[in-house]
């Protein structure tokens, strides 16, 4: 089955468009990408290596190559949550394709309902970019709490959303729960954030 899925062409020119990569680092960055391509060619079923290669292309600003690689990984290994998560972020933050971002994050959560970062990222998508007039930003955090009871980051993000929307009673409720979780774990760093 996997053999039937067309692999991305890795004989491509490596072009760095990301402005934050200074000239003196470009040769090293290109070398790392070439080494990773060699790893993929030696072990074409190493989807972690493919996913890392996509990340390297994203870092240099080649979003098209990153997308192509991660889409390939999700087709060849539909349970690879890292590739779906990376696609979700790429579509949200860089390509501004919000429906695709939502779909990618939903695929992460379907495969791994305990993947807290995906709930947070999906909530941010709804909060700042997509379907902002809905309750989806709150709803997805509550969905995350059903699967990850007493998860500090979900509680504090939910409290923050309620506070932002003027629902101070619910904000206080979730901040109180977050504080209780932090205290139960003797997490002084998190307590200091509240």
C-alpha atoms as a PDB file:
ATOM      1  CA  UNK A   1       0.000   0.000   0.000  1.00  0.00           C
ATOM      2  CA  UNK A   2       2.673   2.520   1.042  1.00  0.00           C
ATOM      3  CA  UNK A   3       4.596   1.824  -2.151  1.00  0.00           C
ATOM      4  CA  UNK A   4       1.641   3.150  -4.149  1.00  0.00           C
ATOM      5  CA  UNK A   5       1.780   6.555  -2.463  1.00  0.00           C
ATOM      6  CA  UNK A   6       3.961   8.868  -4.561  1.00  0.00           C
ATOM      7  CA  UNK A   7       6.974  10.094  -2.596  1.00  0.00           C
ATOM      8  CA  UNK A   8       8.002  13.743  -2.739  1.00  0.00           C
ATOM      9  CA  UNK A   9      10.826  14.422  -5.166  1.00  0.00           C
ATOM     10  CA  UNK A  10      13.852  15.132  -2.993  1.00  0.00           C
ATOM     11  CA  UNK A  11      16.079  16.104  -5.910  1.00  0.00           C
ATOM     12  CA  UNK A  12      15.069  19.708  -5.466  1.00  0.00           C
ATOM     13  CA  UNK A  13      17.081  22.844  -5.149  1.00  0.00           C
ATOM     14  CA  UNK A  14      17.394  23.886  -1.524  1.00  0.00           C
ATOM     15  CA  UNK A  15      16.538  27.579  -1.389  1.00  0.00           C
ATOM     16  CA  UNK A  16      16.652  29.464   1.886  1.00  0.00           C
ATOM     17  CA  UNK A  17      14.118  32.289   1.918  1.00  0.00           C
ATOM     18  CA  UNK A  18      13.841  32.673   5.705  1.00  0.00           C
ATOM     19  CA  UNK A  19      15.446  36.048   6.455  1.00  0.00           C
ATOM     20  CA  UNK A  20      16.485  35.159  10.019  1.00  0.00           C
ATOM     21  CA  UNK A  21      19.036  32.613   8.754  1.00  0.00           C
ATOM     22  CA  UNK A  22      22.281  34.537   8.404  1.00  0.00           C
ATOM     23  CA  UNK A  23      24.620  34.029   5.468  1.00  0.00           C
ATOM     24  CA  UNK A  24      27.305  32.377   7.594  1.00  0.00           C
ATOM     25  CA  UNK A  25      24.848  29.646   8.691  1.00  0.00           C
ATOM     26  CA  UNK A  26      23.354  28.841   5.282  1.00  0.00           C
ATOM     27  CA  UNK A  27      25.953  26.262   4.229  1.00  0.00           C
ATOM     28  CA  UNK A  28      25.512  24.369   7.509  1.00  0.00           C
ATOM     29  CA  UNK A  29      21.699  24.431   7.202  1.00  0.00           C
ATOM     30  CA  UNK A  30      21.857  23.109   3.634  1.00  0.00           C
ATOM     31  CA  UNK A  31      24.292  20.405   4.759  1.00  0.00           C
ATOM     32  CA  UNK A  32      21.883  19.267   7.498  1.00  0.00           C
ATOM     33  CA  UNK A  33      19.021  19.053   4.999  1.00  0.00           C
ATOM     34  CA  UNK A  34      21.166  17.039   2.570  1.00  0.00           C
ATOM     35  CA  UNK A  35      22.156  14.660   5.399  1.00  0.00           C
ATOM     36  CA  UNK A  36      18.490  14.177   6.302  1.00  0.00           C
ATOM     37  CA  UNK A  37      17.605  13.510   2.658  1.00  0.00           C
ATOM     38  CA  UNK A  38      20.348  10.858   2.621  1.00  0.00           C
ATOM     39  CA  UNK A  39      18.834   9.316   5.788  1.00  0.00           C
ATOM     40  CA  UNK A  40      15.387   9.218   4.160  1.00  0.00           C
ATOM     41  CA  UNK A  41      16.819   7.582   1.048  1.00  0.00           C
ATOM     42  CA  UNK A  42      18.464   4.884   3.217  1.00  0.00           C
ATOM     43  CA  UNK A  43      15.348   4.301   5.351  1.00  0.00           C
ATOM     44  CA  UNK A  44      12.322   5.409   3.300  1.00  0.00           C
ATOM     45  CA  UNK A  45       9.863   4.061   5.894  1.00  0.00           C
ATOM     46  CA  UNK A  46      11.322   6.146   8.723  1.00  0.00           C
ATOM     47  CA  UNK A  47       8.446   8.581   9.008  1.00  0.00           C
ATOM     48  CA  UNK A  48      10.087  10.381  11.920  1.00  0.00           C
ATOM     49  CA  UNK A  49      12.977  11.236   9.591  1.00  0.00           C
ATOM     50  CA  UNK A  50      10.548  12.376   6.889  1.00  0.00           C
ATOM     51  CA  UNK A  51       8.769  14.548   9.470  1.00  0.00           C
ATOM     52  CA  UNK A  52      12.078  16.064  10.586  1.00  0.00           C
ATOM     53  CA  UNK A  53      12.938  16.796   6.942  1.00  0.00           C
ATOM     54  CA  UNK A  54       9.641  18.655   6.560  1.00  0.00           C
ATOM     55  CA  UNK A  55      10.524  20.707   9.631  1.00  0.00           C
ATOM     56  CA  UNK A  56      13.897  21.596   8.125  1.00  0.00           C
ATOM     57  CA  UNK A  57      12.248  22.842   4.938  1.00  0.00           C
ATOM     58  CA  UNK A  58       9.787  24.893   7.002  1.00  0.00           C
ATOM     59  CA  UNK A  59      12.659  26.469   8.946  1.00  0.00           C
ATOM     60  CA  UNK A  60      14.307  27.689   5.733  1.00  0.00           C
ATOM     61  CA  UNK A  61      11.012  29.164   4.517  1.00  0.00           C
ATOM     62  CA  UNK A  62      10.228  26.496   1.898  1.00  0.00           C
ATOM     63  CA  UNK A  63       6.642  25.946   3.018  1.00  0.00           C
ATOM     64  CA  UNK A  64       5.641  24.188  -0.193  1.00  0.00           C
ATOM     65  CA  UNK A  65       8.238  21.440   0.332  1.00  0.00           C
ATOM     66  CA  UNK A  66       7.378  21.150   4.028  1.00  0.00           C
ATOM     67  CA  UNK A  67       3.694  20.752   3.185  1.00  0.00           C
ATOM     68  CA  UNK A  68       4.376  18.194   0.457  1.00  0.00           C
ATOM     69  CA  UNK A  69       6.539  16.094   2.790  1.00  0.00           C
ATOM     70  CA  UNK A  70       4.145  16.204   5.737  1.00  0.00           C
ATOM     71  CA  UNK A  71       1.142  15.399   3.523  1.00  0.00           C
ATOM     72  CA  UNK A  72       3.081  12.416   2.206  1.00  0.00           C
ATOM     73  CA  UNK A  73       3.788  11.252   5.780  1.00  0.00           C
ATOM     74  CA  UNK A  74       0.103  11.563   6.745  1.00  0.00           C
ATOM     75  CA  UNK A  75      -0.915   9.476   3.731  1.00  0.00           C
ATOM     76  CA  UNK A  76       1.790   6.854   4.254  1.00  0.00           C
ATOM     77  CA  UNK A  77       1.305   6.739   8.022  1.00  0.00           C
ATOM     78  CA  UNK A  78      -2.125   8.194   8.917  1.00  0.00           C
ATOM     79  CA  UNK A  79      -1.397   7.811  12.637  1.00  0.00           C
ATOM     80  CA  UNK A  80       1.637  10.111  12.613  1.00  0.00           C
ATOM     81  CA  UNK A  81       0.399  12.876  14.896  1.00  0.00           C
ATOM     82  CA  UNK A  82       3.590  14.941  14.545  1.00  0.00           C
ATOM     83  CA  UNK A  83       3.103  15.380  10.791  1.00  0.00           C
ATOM     84  CA  UNK A  84      -0.570  16.334  11.244  1.00  0.00           C
ATOM     85  CA  UNK A  85       0.326  18.759  14.046  1.00  0.00           C
ATOM     86  CA  UNK A  86       3.051  20.367  11.926  1.00  0.00           C
ATOM     87  CA  UNK A  87       0.606  20.724   9.035  1.00  0.00           C
ATOM     88  CA  UNK A  88      -1.930  22.335  11.353  1.00  0.00           C
ATOM     89  CA  UNK A  89       0.609  24.940  12.411  1.00  0.00           C
ATOM     90  CA  UNK A  90       1.877  25.463   8.855  1.00  0.00           C
ATOM     91  CA  UNK A  91      -1.638  26.031   7.522  1.00  0.00           C
ATOM     92  CA  UNK A  92      -2.561  28.334  10.405  1.00  0.00           C
ATOM     93  CA  UNK A  93       0.540  30.443  10.871  1.00  0.00           C
ATOM     94  CA  UNK A  94       2.166  30.491   7.435  1.00  0.00           C
ATOM     95  CA  UNK A  95      -0.188  29.476   4.624  1.00  0.00           C
ATOM     96  CA  UNK A  96      -3.342  30.960   6.208  1.00  0.00           C
ATOM     97  CA  UNK A  97      -5.470  28.023   5.077  1.00  0.00           C
ATOM     98  CA  UNK A  98      -7.670  27.800   8.150  1.00  0.00           C
ATOM     99  CA  UNK A  99      -9.999  24.940   7.089  1.00  0.00           C
ATOM    100  CA  UNK A 100      -6.948  22.767   6.349  1.00  0.00           C
ATOM    101  CA  UNK A 101      -5.422  23.780   9.683  1.00  0.00           C
ATOM    102  CA  UNK A 102      -8.594  22.782  11.505  1.00  0.00           C
ATOM    103  CA  UNK A 103      -8.707  19.453   9.677  1.00  0.00           C
ATOM    104  CA  UNK A 104      -5.060  18.677  10.481  1.00  0.00           C
ATOM    105  CA  UNK A 105      -5.491  19.455  14.184  1.00  0.00           C
ATOM    106  CA  UNK A 106      -8.667  17.352  14.264  1.00  0.00           C
ATOM    107  CA  UNK A 107      -6.689  14.450  12.778  1.00  0.00           C
ATOM    108  CA  UNK A 108      -4.167  14.787  15.614  1.00  0.00           C
ATOM    109  CA  UNK A 109      -6.948  14.611  18.202  1.00  0.00           C
ATOM    110  CA  UNK A 110      -8.628  11.676  16.488  1.00  0.00           C
ATOM    111  CA  UNK A 111      -5.339   9.765  16.638  1.00  0.00           C
ATOM    112  CA  UNK A 112      -4.312  10.943  20.107  1.00  0.00           C
ATOM    113  CA  UNK A 113      -6.984  12.524  22.337  1.00  0.00           C
ATOM    114  CA  UNK A 114      -4.300  13.164  24.986  1.00  0.00           C
ATOM    115  CA  UNK A 115      -2.270  15.483  22.712  1.00  0.00           C
ATOM    116  CA  UNK A 116      -2.813  18.664  24.753  1.00  0.00           C
ATOM    117  CA  UNK A 117      -0.856  20.940  22.400  1.00  0.00           C
ATOM    118  CA  UNK A 118      -3.338  20.189  19.607  1.00  0.00           C
ATOM    119  CA  UNK A 119      -6.289  21.389  21.720  1.00  0.00           C
ATOM    120  CA  UNK A 120      -4.390  24.573  22.536  1.00  0.00           C
ATOM    121  CA  UNK A 121      -3.380  25.163  18.914  1.00  0.00           C
ATOM    122  CA  UNK A 122      -6.904  24.504  17.631  1.00  0.00           C
ATOM    123  CA  UNK A 123      -8.324  26.861  20.253  1.00  0.00           C
ATOM    124  CA  UNK A 124      -5.853  29.537  19.120  1.00  0.00           C
ATOM    125  CA  UNK A 125      -6.922  28.982  15.516  1.00  0.00           C
ATOM    126  CA  UNK A 126     -10.529  29.687  16.506  1.00  0.00           C
ATOM    127  CA  UNK A 127      -9.607  32.471  18.911  1.00  0.00           C
ATOM    128  CA  UNK A 128      -7.446  34.524  16.555  1.00  0.00           C
ATOM    129  CA  UNK A 129      -8.054  33.486  12.964  1.00  0.00           C
ATOM    130  CA  UNK A 130     -10.995  31.266  12.063  1.00  0.00           C
ATOM    131  CA  UNK A 131     -14.649  31.239  13.077  1.00  0.00           C
ATOM    132  CA  UNK A 132     -13.883  33.814  15.764  1.00  0.00           C
ATOM    133  CA  UNK A 133     -17.565  34.653  16.254  1.00  0.00           C
ATOM    134  CA  UNK A 134     -18.297  31.139  17.537  1.00  0.00           C
ATOM    135  CA  UNK A 135     -17.737  29.428  20.880  1.00  0.00           C
ATOM    136  CA  UNK A 136     -15.342  26.930  19.264  1.00  0.00           C
ATOM    137  CA  UNK A 137     -12.232  28.304  21.022  1.00  0.00           C
ATOM    138  CA  UNK A 138     -13.862  27.564  24.388  1.00  0.00           C
ATOM    139  CA  UNK A 139     -15.520  24.349  23.252  1.00  0.00           C
ATOM    140  CA  UNK A 140     -12.299  22.694  22.103  1.00  0.00           C
ATOM    141  CA  UNK A 141     -10.590  23.444  25.423  1.00  0.00           C
ATOM    142  CA  UNK A 142     -13.522  21.900  27.287  1.00  0.00           C
ATOM    143  CA  UNK A 143     -13.299  18.916  24.943  1.00  0.00           C
ATOM    144  CA  UNK A 144      -9.629  18.654  25.872  1.00  0.00           C
ATOM    145  CA  UNK A 145     -10.448  18.705  29.572  1.00  0.00           C
ATOM    146  CA  UNK A 146     -12.838  15.785  29.124  1.00  0.00           C
ATOM    147  CA  UNK A 147      -9.921  13.741  27.738  1.00  0.00           C
ATOM    148  CA  UNK A 148      -7.232  15.314  29.968  1.00  0.00           C
ATOM    149  CA  UNK A 149      -8.814  16.061  33.329  1.00  0.00           C
ATOM    150  CA  UNK A 150      -7.066  18.730  35.363  1.00  0.00           C
ATOM    151  CA  UNK A 151      -4.568  19.674  32.644  1.00  0.00           C
ATOM    152  CA  UNK A 152      -3.058  22.975  33.808  1.00  0.00           C
ATOM    153  CA  UNK A 153      -2.546  24.562  30.367  1.00  0.00           C
ATOM    154  CA  UNK A 154      -6.084  23.756  29.245  1.00  0.00           C
ATOM    155  CA  UNK A 155      -7.516  25.185  32.483  1.00  0.00           C
ATOM    156  CA  UNK A 156      -5.523  28.424  32.297  1.00  0.00           C
ATOM    157  CA  UNK A 157      -6.262  28.955  28.605  1.00  0.00           C
ATOM    158  CA  UNK A 158      -9.956  28.423  29.250  1.00  0.00           C
ATOM    159  CA  UNK A 159      -9.849  30.853  32.167  1.00  0.00           C
ATOM    160  CA  UNK A 160      -8.087  33.405  29.986  1.00  0.00           C
ATOM    161  CA  UNK A 161     -10.708  33.069  27.255  1.00  0.00           C
ATOM    162  CA  UNK A 162     -13.536  33.556  29.740  1.00  0.00           C
ATOM    163  CA  UNK A 163     -11.752  36.573  31.201  1.00  0.00           C
ATOM    164  CA  UNK A 164     -11.242  38.024  27.722  1.00  0.00           C
ATOM    165  CA  UNK A 165     -14.963  37.564  27.002  1.00  0.00           C
ATOM    166  CA  UNK A 166     -15.985  39.242  30.263  1.00  0.00           C
ATOM    167  CA  UNK A 167     -17.264  36.090  31.971  1.00  0.00           C
ATOM    168  CA  UNK A 168     -15.334  36.681  35.177  1.00  0.00           C
ATOM    169  CA  UNK A 169     -17.190  34.052  37.211  1.00  0.00           C
ATOM    170  CA  UNK A 170     -16.138  31.268  34.822  1.00  0.00           C
ATOM    171  CA  UNK A 171     -12.644  32.762  34.543  1.00  0.00           C
ATOM    172  CA  UNK A 172     -12.280  32.646  38.330  1.00  0.00           C
ATOM    173  CA  UNK A 173     -13.662  29.107  38.386  1.00  0.00           C
ATOM    174  CA  UNK A 174     -11.033  27.816  35.931  1.00  0.00           C
ATOM    175  CA  UNK A 175      -8.169  29.830  37.432  1.00  0.00           C
ATOM    176  CA  UNK A 176      -9.088  28.344  40.829  1.00  0.00           C
ATOM    177  CA  UNK A 177      -9.056  24.828  39.362  1.00  0.00           C
ATOM    178  CA  UNK A 178      -5.676  25.503  37.723  1.00  0.00           C
ATOM    179  CA  UNK A 179      -4.261  26.807  41.005  1.00  0.00           C
ATOM    180  CA  UNK A 180      -5.529  23.722  42.802  1.00  0.00           C
ATOM    181  CA  UNK A 181      -3.847  21.460  40.204  1.00  0.00           C
ATOM    182  CA  UNK A 182      -0.566  23.357  40.495  1.00  0.00           C
ATOM    183  CA  UNK A 183      -0.650  23.191  44.310  1.00  0.00           C
ATOM    184  CA  UNK A 184      -1.400  19.452  44.256  1.00  0.00           C
ATOM    185  CA  UNK A 185       1.741  18.942  42.169  1.00  0.00           C
ATOM    186  CA  UNK A 186       3.834  21.412  44.219  1.00  0.00           C
ATOM    187  CA  UNK A 187       4.389  23.262  40.936  1.00  0.00           C
ATOM    188  CA  UNK A 188       5.599  26.624  42.250  1.00  0.00           C
ATOM    189  CA  UNK A 189       6.471  27.851  38.766  1.00  0.00           C
ATOM    190  CA  UNK A 190       2.869  27.413  37.598  1.00  0.00           C
ATOM    191  CA  UNK A 191       1.521  28.832  40.854  1.00  0.00           C
ATOM    192  CA  UNK A 192       3.629  31.929  40.193  1.00  0.00           C
ATOM    193  CA  UNK A 193       1.952  32.374  36.816  1.00  0.00           C
ATOM    194  CA  UNK A 194      -1.496  32.681  38.386  1.00  0.00           C
END
